[in-house]
Amino acid sequence: MKNKTTGTCELCARQQVAVTVHHMTPKEVGGAFMPTAKLCIPCHKQIHSLYTNEELGARLNTIVALRQDEKIGKFIKWIRKQPSSKLVRTKKSIERRNRRRQ
């Protein structure tokens, strides 16, 4: 996660947070020159811990689609209540860990 600046997260709408550039369609699945979004570090990490690049590229490649997804929706609801200075730890979801083993 390069290019950290301070701003508003486009996903959770928290203000004055460190934001990074998130490729809405991951570069690995052809999104190098496609739209990006500025996300706070916790949101960015949570997205990549919950979903594979294939899932992100196929069905979760817009802010609206991400906000409507149940898994990240719960996180967004929680993170909005957290102070911008809070550092959160993320772990890959059990579902995502199990997929890699197959």
PDB file of N, CA and C in Angstrom:
ATOM      1  N   MET A   1       0.835  -1.172   0.000  1.00  0.00           N
ATOM      2  CA  MET A   1       0.000   0.000   0.000  1.00  0.00           C
ATOM      3  C   MET A   1       0.886   1.242   0.000  1.00  0.00           C
ATOM      4  N   LYS A   2       1.114   1.748  -1.164  1.00  0.00           N
ATOM      5  CA  LYS A   2       1.970   2.913  -1.314  1.00  0.00           C
ATOM      6  C   LYS A   2       1.121   4.175  -1.384  1.00  0.00           C
ATOM      7  N   ASN A   3       1.811   5.284  -1.481  1.00  0.00           N
ATOM      8  CA  ASN A   3       1.172   6.578  -1.712  1.00  0.00           C
ATOM      9  C   ASN A   3       0.157   6.961  -0.641  1.00  0.00           C
ATOM     10  N   LYS A   4       0.545   6.889   0.614  1.00  0.00           N
ATOM     11  CA  LYS A   4      -0.352   7.289   1.697  1.00  0.00           C
ATOM     12  C   LYS A   4      -0.462   8.805   1.746  1.00  0.00           C
ATOM     13  N   THR A   5      -1.687   9.285   1.852  1.00  0.00           N
ATOM     14  CA  THR A   5      -1.954  10.691   2.062  1.00  0.00           C
ATOM     15  C   THR A   5      -3.058  10.780   3.113  1.00  0.00           C
ATOM     16  N   THR A   6      -3.421  11.968   3.498  1.00  0.00           N
ATOM     17  CA  THR A   6      -4.517  12.141   4.442  1.00  0.00           C
ATOM     18  C   THR A   6      -5.730  12.645   3.682  1.00  0.00           C
ATOM     19  N   GLY A   7      -6.882  12.072   4.013  1.00  0.00           N
ATOM     20  CA  GLY A   7      -8.102  12.485   3.331  1.00  0.00           C
ATOM     21  C   GLY A   7      -9.299  11.760   3.895  1.00  0.00           C
ATOM     22  N   THR A   8     -10.318  11.602   3.059  1.00  0.00           N
ATOM     23  CA  THR A   8     -11.550  10.925   3.437  1.00  0.00           C
ATOM     24  C   THR A   8     -11.611   9.577   2.732  1.00  0.00           C
ATOM     25  N   CYS A   9     -11.913   8.540   3.483  1.00  0.00           N
ATOM     26  CA  CYS A   9     -12.053   7.203   2.906  1.00  0.00           C
ATOM     27  C   CYS A   9     -13.341   7.156   2.085  1.00  0.00           C
ATOM     28  N   GLU A  10     -13.230   6.713   0.852  1.00  0.00           N
ATOM     29  CA  GLU A  10     -14.397   6.649  -0.020  1.00  0.00           C
ATOM     30  C   GLU A  10     -15.349   5.519   0.354  1.00  0.00           C
ATOM     31  N   LEU A  11     -14.888   4.569   1.166  1.00  0.00           N
ATOM     32  CA  LEU A  11     -15.739   3.449   1.550  1.00  0.00           C
ATOM     33  C   LEU A  11     -16.474   3.715   2.863  1.00  0.00           C
ATOM     34  N   CYS A  12     -15.742   4.060   3.914  1.00  0.00           N
ATOM     35  CA  CYS A  12     -16.382   4.253   5.220  1.00  0.00           C
ATOM     36  C   CYS A  12     -16.712   5.715   5.512  1.00  0.00           C
ATOM     37  N   ALA A  13     -16.186   6.630   4.723  1.00  0.00           N
ATOM     38  CA  ALA A  13     -16.434   8.076   4.837  1.00  0.00           C
ATOM     39  C   ALA A  13     -15.816   8.714   6.082  1.00  0.00           C
ATOM     40  N   ARG A  14     -14.875   8.021   6.746  1.00  0.00           N
ATOM     41  CA  ARG A  14     -14.175   8.675   7.858  1.00  0.00           C
ATOM     42  C   ARG A  14     -13.254   9.735   7.271  1.00  0.00           C
ATOM     43  N   GLN A  15     -13.121  10.841   7.978  1.00  0.00           N
ATOM     44  CA  GLN A  15     -12.325  11.963   7.497  1.00  0.00           C
ATOM     45  C   GLN A  15     -10.999  12.054   8.245  1.00  0.00           C
ATOM     46  N   GLN A  16     -10.062  12.738   7.627  1.00  0.00           N
ATOM     47  CA  GLN A  16      -8.730  12.964   8.201  1.00  0.00           C
ATOM     48  C   GLN A  16      -8.057  11.656   8.606  1.00  0.00           C
ATOM     49  N   VAL A  17      -8.085  10.690   7.681  1.00  0.00           N
ATOM     50  CA  VAL A  17      -7.427   9.409   7.892  1.00  0.00           C
ATOM     51  C   VAL A  17      -6.362   9.219   6.817  1.00  0.00           C
ATOM     52  N   ALA A  18      -5.381   8.386   7.105  1.00  0.00           N
ATOM     53  CA  ALA A  18      -4.395   8.039   6.087  1.00  0.00           C
ATOM     54  C   ALA A  18      -5.105   7.191   5.039  1.00  0.00           C
ATOM     55  N   VAL A  19      -5.019   7.598   3.782  1.00  0.00           N
ATOM     56  CA  VAL A  19      -5.669   6.855   2.703  1.00  0.00           C
ATOM     57  C   VAL A  19      -4.631   6.343   1.711  1.00  0.00           C
ATOM     58  N   THR A  20      -4.976   5.222   1.085  1.00  0.00           N
ATOM     59  CA  THR A  20      -4.118   4.624   0.064  1.00  0.00           C
ATOM     60  C   THR A  20      -4.965   4.409  -1.185  1.00  0.00           C
ATOM     61  N   VAL A  21      -4.307   4.189  -2.292  1.00  0.00           N
ATOM     62  CA  VAL A  21      -4.999   3.963  -3.559  1.00  0.00           C
ATOM     63  C   VAL A  21      -5.350   2.477  -3.672  1.00  0.00           C
ATOM     64  N   HIS A  22      -6.639   2.204  -3.900  1.00  0.00           N
ATOM     65  CA  HIS A  22      -7.125   0.834  -4.094  1.00  0.00           C
ATOM     66  C   HIS A  22      -7.615   0.713  -5.531  1.00  0.00           C
ATOM     67  N   HIS A  23      -7.081  -0.261  -6.258  1.00  0.00           N
ATOM     68  CA  HIS A  23      -7.553  -0.523  -7.623  1.00  0.00           C
ATOM     69  C   HIS A  23      -8.865  -1.282  -7.513  1.00  0.00           C
ATOM     70  N   MET A  24      -9.947  -0.687  -7.985  1.00  0.00           N
ATOM     71  CA  MET A  24     -11.261  -1.308  -7.869  1.00  0.00           C
ATOM     72  C   MET A  24     -11.302  -2.665  -8.578  1.00  0.00           C
ATOM     73  N   THR A  25     -10.640  -2.763  -9.705  1.00  0.00           N
ATOM     74  CA  THR A  25     -10.383  -4.055 -10.340  1.00  0.00           C
ATOM     75  C   THR A  25      -8.896  -4.298 -10.136  1.00  0.00           C
ATOM     76  N   PRO A  26      -8.518  -5.331  -9.380  1.00  0.00           N
ATOM     77  CA  PRO A  26      -7.095  -5.548  -9.080  1.00  0.00           C
ATOM     78  C   PRO A  26      -6.220  -5.607 -10.333  1.00  0.00           C
ATOM     79  N   LYS A  27      -5.019  -5.109 -10.189  1.00  0.00           N
ATOM     80  CA  LYS A  27      -4.077  -5.104 -11.313  1.00  0.00           C
ATOM     81  C   LYS A  27      -3.853  -6.522 -11.835  1.00  0.00           C
ATOM     82  N   GLU A  28      -3.856  -7.505 -10.939  1.00  0.00           N
ATOM     83  CA  GLU A  28      -3.602  -8.899 -11.317  1.00  0.00           C
ATOM     84  C   GLU A  28      -4.676  -9.467 -12.240  1.00  0.00           C
ATOM     85  N   VAL A  29      -5.851  -8.846 -12.234  1.00  0.00           N
ATOM     86  CA  VAL A  29      -6.922  -9.325 -13.121  1.00  0.00           C
ATOM     87  C   VAL A  29      -7.282  -8.270 -14.162  1.00  0.00           C
ATOM     88  N   GLY A  30      -6.311  -7.452 -14.533  1.00  0.00           N
ATOM     89  CA  GLY A  30      -6.482  -6.524 -15.643  1.00  0.00           C
ATOM     90  C   GLY A  30      -6.887  -5.104 -15.287  1.00  0.00           C
ATOM     91  N   GLY A  31      -6.784  -4.715 -14.026  1.00  0.00           N
ATOM     92  CA  GLY A  31      -7.266  -3.395 -13.636  1.00  0.00           C
ATOM     93  C   GLY A  31      -6.224  -2.317 -13.498  1.00  0.00           C
ATOM     94  N   ALA A  32      -5.061  -2.489 -14.091  1.00  0.00           N
ATOM     95  CA  ALA A  32      -3.971  -1.520 -13.924  1.00  0.00           C
ATOM     96  C   ALA A  32      -4.367  -0.103 -14.338  1.00  0.00           C
ATOM     97  N   PHE A  33      -5.182   0.023 -15.365  1.00  0.00           N
ATOM     98  CA  PHE A  33      -5.555   1.349 -15.858  1.00  0.00           C
ATOM     99  C   PHE A  33      -7.042   1.631 -15.665  1.00  0.00           C
ATOM    100  N   MET A  34      -7.655   0.910 -14.745  1.00  0.00           N
ATOM    101  CA  MET A  34      -9.082   1.081 -14.471  1.00  0.00           C
ATOM    102  C   MET A  34      -9.258   1.952 -13.226  1.00  0.00           C
ATOM    103  N   PRO A  35     -10.497   2.274 -12.857  1.00  0.00           N
ATOM    104  CA  PRO A  35     -10.740   3.184 -11.729  1.00  0.00           C
ATOM    105  C   PRO A  35     -10.118   2.732 -10.404  1.00  0.00           C
ATOM    106  N   THR A  36      -9.760   3.739  -9.602  1.00  0.00           N
ATOM    107  CA  THR A  36      -9.214   3.508  -8.271  1.00  0.00           C
ATOM    108  C   THR A  36     -10.062   4.274  -7.264  1.00  0.00           C
ATOM    109  N   ALA A  37      -9.838   3.980  -5.990  1.00  0.00           N
ATOM    110  CA  ALA A  37     -10.525   4.699  -4.915  1.00  0.00           C
ATOM    111  C   ALA A  37      -9.531   4.948  -3.799  1.00  0.00           C
ATOM    112  N   LYS A  38      -9.730   6.027  -3.057  1.00  0.00           N
ATOM    113  CA  LYS A  38      -8.897   6.317  -1.897  1.00  0.00           C
ATOM    114  C   LYS A  38      -9.576   5.716  -0.677  1.00  0.00           C
ATOM    115  N   LEU A  39      -8.901   4.727  -0.071  1.00  0.00           N
ATOM    116  CA  LEU A  39      -9.451   4.024   1.081  1.00  0.00           C
ATOM    117  C   LEU A  39      -8.532   4.165   2.279  1.00  0.00           C
ATOM    118  N   CYS A  40      -9.142   4.232   3.472  1.00  0.00           N
ATOM    119  CA  CYS A  40      -8.312   4.231   4.676  1.00  0.00           C
ATOM    120  C   CYS A  40      -7.649   2.858   4.775  1.00  0.00           C
ATOM    121  N   ILE A  41      -6.571   2.808   5.493  1.00  0.00           N
ATOM    122  CA  ILE A  41      -5.801   1.570   5.584  1.00  0.00           C
ATOM    123  C   ILE A  41      -6.625   0.418   6.154  1.00  0.00           C
ATOM    124  N   PRO A  42      -7.413   0.620   7.235  1.00  0.00           N
ATOM    125  CA  PRO A  42      -8.214  -0.499   7.734  1.00  0.00           C
ATOM    126  C   PRO A  42      -9.210  -1.049   6.704  1.00  0.00           C
ATOM    127  N   CYS A  43      -9.890  -0.174   5.976  1.00  0.00           N
ATOM    128  CA  CYS A  43     -10.834  -0.639   4.956  1.00  0.00           C
ATOM    129  C   CYS A  43     -10.105  -1.394   3.850  1.00  0.00           C
ATOM    130  N   HIS A  44      -8.974  -0.856   3.407  1.00  0.00           N
ATOM    131  CA  HIS A  44      -8.199  -1.485   2.338  1.00  0.00           C
ATOM    132  C   HIS A  44      -7.743  -2.880   2.756  1.00  0.00           C
ATOM    133  N   LYS A  45      -7.208  -2.977   3.962  1.00  0.00           N
ATOM    134  CA  LYS A  45      -6.752  -4.281   4.445  1.00  0.00           C
ATOM    135  C   LYS A  45      -7.914  -5.260   4.604  1.00  0.00           C
ATOM    136  N   GLN A  46      -9.039  -4.772   5.109  1.00  0.00           N
ATOM    137  CA  GLN A  46     -10.186  -5.650   5.326  1.00  0.00           C
ATOM    138  C   GLN A  46     -10.720  -6.203   4.010  1.00  0.00           C
ATOM    139  N   ILE A  47     -10.759  -5.374   2.989  1.00  0.00           N
ATOM    140  CA  ILE A  47     -11.218  -5.844   1.675  1.00  0.00           C
ATOM    141  C   ILE A  47     -10.356  -7.005   1.201  1.00  0.00           C
ATOM    142  N   HIS A  48      -9.038  -6.835   1.288  1.00  0.00           N
ATOM    143  CA  HIS A  48      -8.137  -7.871   0.785  1.00  0.00           C
ATOM    144  C   HIS A  48      -8.077  -9.092   1.702  1.00  0.00           C
ATOM    145  N   SER A  49      -8.518  -8.953   2.943  1.00  0.00           N
ATOM    146  CA  SER A  49      -8.559 -10.129   3.811  1.00  0.00           C
ATOM    147  C   SER A  49      -9.843 -10.933   3.610  1.00  0.00           C
ATOM    148  N   LEU A  50     -10.876 -10.294   3.092  1.00  0.00           N
ATOM    149  CA  LEU A  50     -12.160 -10.978   2.899  1.00  0.00           C
ATOM    150  C   LEU A  50     -12.347 -11.577   1.504  1.00  0.00           C
ATOM    151  N   TYR A  51     -11.759 -10.944   0.506  1.00  0.00           N
ATOM    152  CA  TYR A  51     -12.061 -11.326  -0.877  1.00  0.00           C
ATOM    153  C   TYR A  51     -10.800 -11.633  -1.668  1.00  0.00           C
ATOM    154  N   THR A  52     -10.944 -12.526  -2.633  1.00  0.00           N
ATOM    155  CA  THR A  52      -9.845 -12.802  -3.564  1.00  0.00           C
ATOM    156  C   THR A  52      -9.841 -11.713  -4.635  1.00  0.00           C
ATOM    157  N   ASN A  53      -8.745 -11.596  -5.343  1.00  0.00           N
ATOM    158  CA  ASN A  53      -8.676 -10.631  -6.440  1.00  0.00           C
ATOM    159  C   ASN A  53      -9.709 -10.952  -7.522  1.00  0.00           C
ATOM    160  N   GLU A  54      -9.980 -12.240  -7.724  1.00  0.00           N
ATOM    161  CA  GLU A  54     -10.977 -12.635  -8.722  1.00  0.00           C
ATOM    162  C   GLU A  54     -12.366 -12.140  -8.316  1.00  0.00           C
ATOM    163  N   GLU A  55     -12.722 -12.268  -7.029  1.00  0.00           N
ATOM    164  CA  GLU A  55     -14.021 -11.786  -6.550  1.00  0.00           C
ATOM    165  C   GLU A  55     -14.121 -10.266  -6.710  1.00  0.00           C
ATOM    166  N   LEU A  56     -13.047  -9.577  -6.356  1.00  0.00           N
ATOM    167  CA  LEU A  56     -13.047  -8.118  -6.462  1.00  0.00           C
ATOM    168  C   LEU A  56     -13.214  -7.677  -7.903  1.00  0.00           C
ATOM    169  N   GLY A  57     -12.525  -8.319  -8.815  1.00  0.00           N
ATOM    170  CA  GLY A  57     -12.608  -7.939 -10.218  1.00  0.00           C
ATOM    171  C   GLY A  57     -13.937  -8.291 -10.862  1.00  0.00           C
ATOM    172  N   ALA A  58     -14.539  -9.400 -10.435  1.00  0.00           N
ATOM    173  CA  ALA A  58     -15.761  -9.878 -11.074  1.00  0.00           C
ATOM    174  C   ALA A  58     -17.027  -9.196 -10.568  1.00  0.00           C
ATOM    175  N   ARG A  59     -17.121  -8.973  -9.245  1.00  0.00           N
ATOM    176  CA  ARG A  59     -18.405  -8.484  -8.748  1.00  0.00           C
ATOM    177  C   ARG A  59     -18.319  -7.357  -7.726  1.00  0.00           C
ATOM    178  N   LEU A  60     -17.133  -7.060  -7.237  1.00  0.00           N
ATOM    179  CA  LEU A  60     -16.999  -6.034  -6.204  1.00  0.00           C
ATOM    180  C   LEU A  60     -16.061  -4.926  -6.648  1.00  0.00           C
ATOM    181  N   ASN A  61     -16.250  -4.456  -7.877  1.00  0.00           N
ATOM    182  CA  ASN A  61     -15.314  -3.484  -8.439  1.00  0.00           C
ATOM    183  C   ASN A  61     -15.847  -2.051  -8.441  1.00  0.00           C
ATOM    184  N   THR A  62     -16.820  -1.782  -7.561  1.00  0.00           N
ATOM    185  CA  THR A  62     -17.279  -0.406  -7.354  1.00  0.00           C
ATOM    186  C   THR A  62     -17.489  -0.191  -5.854  1.00  0.00           C
ATOM    187  N   ILE A  63     -17.452   1.049  -5.430  1.00  0.00           N
ATOM    188  CA  ILE A  63     -17.705   1.372  -4.017  1.00  0.00           C
ATOM    189  C   ILE A  63     -19.125   0.938  -3.637  1.00  0.00           C
ATOM    190  N   VAL A  64     -20.088   1.163  -4.516  1.00  0.00           N
ATOM    191  CA  VAL A  64     -21.478   0.783  -4.244  1.00  0.00           C
ATOM    192  C   VAL A  64     -21.581  -0.725  -4.026  1.00  0.00           C
ATOM    193  N   ALA A  65     -20.961  -1.510  -4.897  1.00  0.00           N
ATOM    194  CA  ALA A  65     -21.014  -2.973  -4.769  1.00  0.00           C
ATOM    195  C   ALA A  65     -20.377  -3.421  -3.456  1.00  0.00           C
ATOM    196  N   LEU A  66     -19.261  -2.813  -3.085  1.00  0.00           N
ATOM    197  CA  LEU A  66     -18.621  -3.169  -1.818  1.00  0.00           C
ATOM    198  C   LEU A  66     -19.524  -2.832  -0.638  1.00  0.00           C
ATOM    199  N   ARG A  67     -20.092  -1.642  -0.637  1.00  0.00           N
ATOM    200  CA  ARG A  67     -20.964  -1.231   0.474  1.00  0.00           C
ATOM    201  C   ARG A  67     -22.177  -2.140   0.607  1.00  0.00           C
ATOM    202  N   GLN A  68     -22.653  -2.693  -0.485  1.00  0.00           N
ATOM    203  CA  GLN A  68     -23.834  -3.550  -0.445  1.00  0.00           C
ATOM    204  C   GLN A  68     -23.514  -4.984  -0.055  1.00  0.00           C
ATOM    205  N   ASP A  69     -22.245  -5.367  -0.072  1.00  0.00           N
ATOM    206  CA  ASP A  69     -21.874  -6.732   0.289  1.00  0.00           C
ATOM    207  C   ASP A  69     -21.949  -6.905   1.804  1.00  0.00           C
ATOM    208  N   GLU A  70     -22.556  -7.965   2.232  1.00  0.00           N
ATOM    209  CA  GLU A  70     -22.806  -8.198   3.654  1.00  0.00           C
ATOM    210  C   GLU A  70     -21.527  -8.285   4.490  1.00  0.00           C
ATOM    211  N   LYS A  71     -20.515  -8.980   3.976  1.00  0.00           N
ATOM    212  CA  LYS A  71     -19.288  -9.175   4.772  1.00  0.00           C
ATOM    213  C   LYS A  71     -18.586  -7.862   5.091  1.00  0.00           C
ATOM    214  N   ILE A  72     -18.362  -7.039   4.099  1.00  0.00           N
ATOM    215  CA  ILE A  72     -17.663  -5.772   4.342  1.00  0.00           C
ATOM    216  C   ILE A  72     -18.608  -4.750   4.960  1.00  0.00           C
ATOM    217  N   GLY A  73     -19.906  -4.898   4.729  1.00  0.00           N
ATOM    218  CA  GLY A  73     -20.888  -3.980   5.292  1.00  0.00           C
ATOM    219  C   GLY A  73     -20.840  -3.928   6.805  1.00  0.00           C
ATOM    220  N   LYS A  74     -20.688  -5.087   7.425  1.00  0.00           N
ATOM    221  CA  LYS A  74     -20.590  -5.149   8.888  1.00  0.00           C
ATOM    222  C   LYS A  74     -19.353  -4.406   9.375  1.00  0.00           C
ATOM    223  N   PHE A  75     -18.259  -4.588   8.658  1.00  0.00           N
ATOM    224  CA  PHE A  75     -17.014  -3.915   9.024  1.00  0.00           C
ATOM    225  C   PHE A  75     -17.157  -2.403   8.881  1.00  0.00           C
ATOM    226  N   ILE A  76     -17.767  -1.952   7.784  1.00  0.00           N
ATOM    227  CA  ILE A  76     -17.945  -0.515   7.553  1.00  0.00           C
ATOM    228  C   ILE A  76     -18.764   0.103   8.680  1.00  0.00           C
ATOM    229  N   LYS A  77     -19.832  -0.567   9.059  1.00  0.00           N
ATOM    230  CA  LYS A  77     -20.683  -0.064  10.147  1.00  0.00           C
ATOM    231  C   LYS A  77     -19.865   0.105  11.427  1.00  0.00           C
ATOM    232  N   TRP A  78     -18.974  -0.855  11.700  1.00  0.00           N
ATOM    233  CA  TRP A  78     -18.146  -0.802  12.908  1.00  0.00           C
ATOM    234  C   TRP A  78     -17.047   0.261  12.796  1.00  0.00           C
ATOM    235  N   ILE A  79     -16.332   0.293  11.683  1.00  0.00           N
ATOM    236  CA  ILE A  79     -15.169   1.186  11.555  1.00  0.00           C
ATOM    237  C   ILE A  79     -15.589   2.650  11.564  1.00  0.00           C
ATOM    238  N   ARG A  80     -16.785   2.956  11.093  1.00  0.00           N
ATOM    239  CA  ARG A  80     -17.259   4.346  11.098  1.00  0.00           C
ATOM    240  C   ARG A  80     -17.306   4.923  12.511  1.00  0.00           C
ATOM    241  N   LYS A  81     -17.437   4.062  13.502  1.00  0.00           N
ATOM    242  CA  LYS A  81     -17.531   4.510  14.895  1.00  0.00           C
ATOM    243  C   LYS A  81     -16.157   4.646  15.552  1.00  0.00           C
ATOM    244  N   GLN A  82     -15.112   4.227  14.859  1.00  0.00           N
ATOM    245  CA  GLN A  82     -13.773   4.224  15.435  1.00  0.00           C
ATOM    246  C   GLN A  82     -13.050   5.541  15.139  1.00  0.00           C
ATOM    247  N   PRO A  83     -12.208   5.986  16.073  1.00  0.00           N
ATOM    248  CA  PRO A  83     -11.426   7.201  15.811  1.00  0.00           C
ATOM    249  C   PRO A  83     -10.438   6.971  14.665  1.00  0.00           C
ATOM    250  N   SER A  84     -10.138   8.024  13.952  1.00  0.00           N
ATOM    251  CA  SER A  84      -9.258   7.891  12.789  1.00  0.00           C
ATOM    252  C   SER A  84      -7.855   7.435  13.161  1.00  0.00           C
ATOM    253  N   SER A  85      -7.485   7.598  14.415  1.00  0.00           N
ATOM    254  CA  SER A  85      -6.146   7.205  14.846  1.00  0.00           C
ATOM    255  C   SER A  85      -6.053   5.718  15.199  1.00  0.00           C
ATOM    256  N   LYS A  86      -7.190   5.026  15.277  1.00  0.00           N
ATOM    257  CA  LYS A  86      -7.192   3.627  15.700  1.00  0.00           C
ATOM    258  C   LYS A  86      -6.592   2.728  14.624  1.00  0.00           C
ATOM    259  N   LEU A  87      -5.658   1.892  15.041  1.00  0.00           N
ATOM    260  CA  LEU A  87      -5.074   0.902  14.141  1.00  0.00           C
ATOM    261  C   LEU A  87      -5.788  -0.418  14.393  1.00  0.00           C
ATOM    262  N   VAL A  88      -6.287  -1.018  13.345  1.00  0.00           N
ATOM    263  CA  VAL A  88      -7.032  -2.264  13.488  1.00  0.00           C
ATOM    264  C   VAL A  88      -6.266  -3.408  12.865  1.00  0.00           C
ATOM    265  N   ARG A  89      -6.381  -4.563  13.470  1.00  0.00           N
ATOM    266  CA  ARG A  89      -5.732  -5.756  12.937  1.00  0.00           C
ATOM    267  C   ARG A  89      -6.744  -6.498  12.074  1.00  0.00           C
ATOM    268  N   THR A  90      -6.269  -7.065  11.003  1.00  0.00           N
ATOM    269  CA  THR A  90      -7.149  -7.848  10.140  1.00  0.00           C
ATOM    270  C   THR A  90      -6.592  -9.246   9.995  1.00  0.00           C
ATOM    271  N   LYS A  91      -7.498 -10.199   9.850  1.00  0.00           N
ATOM    272  CA  LYS A  91      -7.121 -11.580   9.585  1.00  0.00           C
ATOM    273  C   LYS A  91      -7.935 -12.040   8.389  1.00  0.00           C
ATOM    274  N   LYS A  92      -7.364 -12.940   7.615  1.00  0.00           N
ATOM    275  CA  LYS A  92      -8.128 -13.490   6.505  1.00  0.00           C
ATOM    276  C   LYS A  92      -9.322 -14.235   7.053  1.00  0.00           C
ATOM    277  N   SER A  93     -10.445 -14.123   6.369  1.00  0.00           N
ATOM    278  CA  SER A  93     -11.636 -14.832   6.809  1.00  0.00           C
ATOM    279  C   SER A  93     -11.383 -16.333   6.716  1.00  0.00           C
ATOM    280  N   ILE A  94     -12.069 -17.083   7.554  1.00  0.00           N
ATOM    281  CA  ILE A  94     -11.912 -18.544   7.547  1.00  0.00           C
ATOM    282  C   ILE A  94     -12.249 -19.085   6.160  1.00  0.00           C
ATOM    283  N   GLU A  95     -13.291 -18.542   5.563  1.00  0.00           N
ATOM    284  CA  GLU A  95     -13.700 -18.961   4.219  1.00  0.00           C
ATOM    285  C   GLU A  95     -12.572 -18.735   3.214  1.00  0.00           C
ATOM    286  N   ARG A  96     -11.935 -17.598   3.293  1.00  0.00           N
ATOM    287  CA  ARG A  96     -10.848 -17.277   2.346  1.00  0.00           C
ATOM    288  C   ARG A  96      -9.622 -18.146   2.614  1.00  0.00           C
ATOM    289  N   ARG A  97      -9.294 -18.394   3.879  1.00  0.00           N
ATOM    290  CA  ARG A  97      -8.153 -19.269   4.194  1.00  0.00           C
ATOM    291  C   ARG A  97      -8.394 -20.670   3.672  1.00  0.00           C
ATOM    292  N   ASN A  98      -9.606 -21.184   3.833  1.00  0.00           N
ATOM    293  CA  ASN A  98      -9.926 -22.532   3.388  1.00  0.00           C
ATOM    294  C   ASN A  98      -9.850 -22.655   1.875  1.00  0.00           C
ATOM    295  N   ARG A  99     -10.199 -21.612   1.146  1.00  0.00           N
ATOM    296  CA  ARG A  99     -10.142 -21.639  -0.316  1.00  0.00           C
ATOM    297  C   ARG A  99      -8.718 -21.831  -0.817  1.00  0.00           C
ATOM    298  N   ARG A 100      -7.775 -21.233  -0.135  1.00  0.00           N
ATOM    299  CA  ARG A 100      -6.368 -21.333  -0.567  1.00  0.00           C
ATOM    300  C   ARG A 100      -5.820 -22.737  -0.379  1.00  0.00           C
ATOM    301  N   ARG A 101      -6.347 -23.469   0.576  1.00  0.00           N
ATOM    302  CA  ARG A 101      -5.867 -24.826   0.864  1.00  0.00           C
ATOM    303  C   ARG A 101      -6.358 -25.836  -0.169  1.00  0.00           C
ATOM    304  N   GLN A 102      -7.408 -25.518  -0.862  1.00  0.00           N
ATOM    305  CA  GLN A 102      -8.005 -26.486  -1.794  1.00  0.00           C
ATOM    306  C   GLN A 102      -7.228 -26.597  -3.061  1.00  0.00           C
TER     307      GLN A 102
END
